[in-house]
C-alpha cells in the first residue's frame, strides 16, 4: 500500500480512530528510533568506557619515569613513543564516540561528559 493510498484510507476514520492511529504511529516511530539509537549508544558507551589496558599504562609509566630520569635507552624510547601512540588512538576513539553520542542524545559534549562522570584529562 502506498502512502497516498494509506492517507485516503485515513481520511475515512472517525476522530477517535484517527487519534488512536496517530498515537500508535508515533509510538512505532519512537520504538524504531530507540532500538537503533540504543544499540548504537551501547557500542559508543563501550568505546567510551574502554580505557587504557593496565599493562600498557603501567609500562608507559615505567618508561616515562626512566625518560624523566634521563636513563631511557634508545629501544625504550621507541617503545615509549609506540605506547604513547597507542594511548592517543584510544583517546581519539573515545572522543569520537563521545561526540557521536552527544549528537544522538542532542546534548552538548561537556554536559554529556559531566553526566557520564568524565573529566577532561590533564596535559602531561
Protein backbone atom coordinates (compact mmCIF):
# COMPACT_ATOMS: atom_id res chain seq x y z
CA UNK A 1 0.00 0.00 0.00
CA UNK A 2 1.41 3.41 -0.94
CA UNK A 3 1.46 6.41 1.40
CA UNK A 4 -1.19 8.11 -0.77
CA UNK A 5 -3.49 5.07 -0.51
CA UNK A 6 -2.93 4.96 3.21
CA UNK A 7 -3.80 8.64 3.58
CA UNK A 8 -7.00 8.14 1.57
CA UNK A 9 -7.99 5.34 3.97
CA UNK A 10 -7.13 7.55 6.97
CA UNK A 11 -9.49 10.26 5.71
CA UNK A 12 -12.41 7.88 6.35
CA UNK A 13 -11.53 7.34 10.03
CA UNK A 14 -13.60 8.94 12.77
CA UNK A 15 -11.91 11.29 15.27
CA UNK A 16 -11.28 8.61 17.91
CA UNK A 17 -9.79 6.11 15.46
CA UNK A 18 -7.63 8.82 13.89
CA UNK A 19 -6.25 9.79 17.34
CA UNK A 20 -5.56 6.13 18.06
CA UNK A 21 -3.79 5.69 14.71
CA UNK A 22 -1.62 8.78 15.25
CA UNK A 23 -0.66 7.65 18.75
CA UNK A 24 0.27 4.19 17.54
CA UNK A 25 2.21 5.54 14.54
CA UNK A 26 4.19 7.88 16.79
CA UNK A 27 4.88 5.02 19.20
CA UNK A 28 6.07 2.82 16.32
CA UNK A 29 8.39 5.56 15.04
CA UNK A 30 9.81 6.17 18.53
CA UNK A 31 10.37 2.45 19.09
CA UNK A 32 12.25 2.13 15.80
CA UNK A 33 14.45 5.12 16.54
CA UNK A 34 15.07 3.96 20.09
CA UNK A 35 16.13 0.46 19.12
CA UNK A 36 18.62 1.81 16.59
CA UNK A 37 19.86 4.52 18.94
CA UNK A 38 20.05 2.16 21.90
CA UNK A 39 22.25 -0.37 20.11
CA UNK A 40 24.44 2.40 18.71
CA UNK A 41 24.61 4.07 22.13
CA UNK A 42 25.65 0.75 23.69
CA UNK A 43 28.53 0.42 21.22
CA UNK A 44 29.59 4.02 21.79
CA UNK A 45 29.44 3.64 25.58
CA UNK A 46 31.66 0.55 25.37
CA UNK A 47 34.24 2.55 23.42
CA UNK A 48 33.97 5.47 25.85
CA UNK A 49 34.41 3.21 28.87
CA UNK A 50 37.14 1.03 27.35
CA UNK A 51 40.07 2.83 28.92
CA UNK A 52 43.75 2.07 28.60
CA UNK A 53 44.76 -1.53 29.41
CA UNK A 54 46.53 -1.72 32.77
CA UNK A 55 49.66 -3.39 31.35
CA UNK A 56 50.04 -0.67 28.72
CA UNK A 57 49.51 2.10 31.25
CA UNK A 58 51.94 0.53 33.73
CA UNK A 59 54.64 0.12 31.08
CA UNK A 60 54.12 3.70 29.91
CA UNK A 61 54.62 4.99 33.46
CA UNK A 62 57.80 2.98 33.95
CA UNK A 63 59.25 4.24 30.68
CA UNK A 64 58.12 7.83 31.34
CA UNK A 65 59.88 7.71 34.71
CA UNK A 66 63.07 6.49 33.06
CA UNK A 67 62.73 9.25 30.47
CA UNK A 68 62.31 11.86 33.19
CA UNK A 69 65.39 10.49 34.98
CA UNK A 70 67.24 10.55 31.63
CA UNK A 71 68.11 6.84 31.78
CA UNK A 72 65.97 5.69 28.86
CA UNK A 73 67.67 3.56 26.21
CA UNK A 74 67.00 4.16 22.52
CA UNK A 75 64.91 0.99 22.22
CA UNK A 76 62.91 2.02 25.30
CA UNK A 77 62.46 5.46 23.76
CA UNK A 78 60.96 3.86 20.66
CA UNK A 79 58.74 1.69 22.84
CA UNK A 80 57.60 4.77 24.78
CA UNK A 81 56.67 6.52 21.53
CA UNK A 82 54.79 3.45 20.32
CA UNK A 83 52.86 3.12 23.57
CA UNK A 84 52.14 6.85 23.52
CA UNK A 85 50.70 6.46 20.03
CA UNK A 86 48.51 3.53 21.14
CA UNK A 87 47.20 5.59 24.07
CA UNK A 88 46.48 8.51 21.74
CA UNK A 89 44.49 6.25 19.40
CA UNK A 90 42.40 5.02 22.33
CA UNK A 91 41.83 8.64 23.37
CA UNK A 92 40.84 9.74 19.87
CA UNK A 93 38.40 6.83 19.56
CA UNK A 94 36.93 7.80 22.91
CA UNK A 95 36.48 11.45 21.95
CA UNK A 96 34.90 10.47 18.62
CA UNK A 97 32.48 8.17 20.43
CA UNK A 98 31.63 10.94 22.91
CA UNK A 99 30.97 13.35 20.05
CA UNK A 100 28.70 10.86 18.26
CA UNK A 101 26.83 10.13 21.47
CA UNK A 102 26.31 13.83 22.13
CA UNK A 103 24.75 14.18 18.67
CA UNK A 104 22.48 11.17 19.21
CA UNK A 105 21.37 12.46 22.60
CA UNK A 106 21.26 16.05 21.34
CA UNK A 107 23.31 17.13 24.35
CA UNK A 108 26.34 19.46 24.42
CA UNK A 109 29.57 17.49 24.72
CA UNK A 110 30.66 18.96 28.06
CA UNK A 111 27.21 18.35 29.55
CA UNK A 112 27.30 14.74 28.33
CA UNK A 113 30.77 14.24 29.79
CA UNK A 114 29.56 15.68 33.10
CA UNK A 115 26.53 13.37 33.12
CA UNK A 116 28.81 10.37 32.47
CA UNK A 117 31.25 11.47 35.17
CA UNK A 118 34.05 12.09 32.67
CA UNK A 119 36.54 14.86 33.34
CA UNK A 120 38.92 16.35 30.80
CA UNK A 121 42.33 14.76 31.31
CA UNK A 122 45.20 16.94 32.40
CA UNK A 123 48.03 17.60 30.00
CA UNK A 124 51.36 15.95 30.73
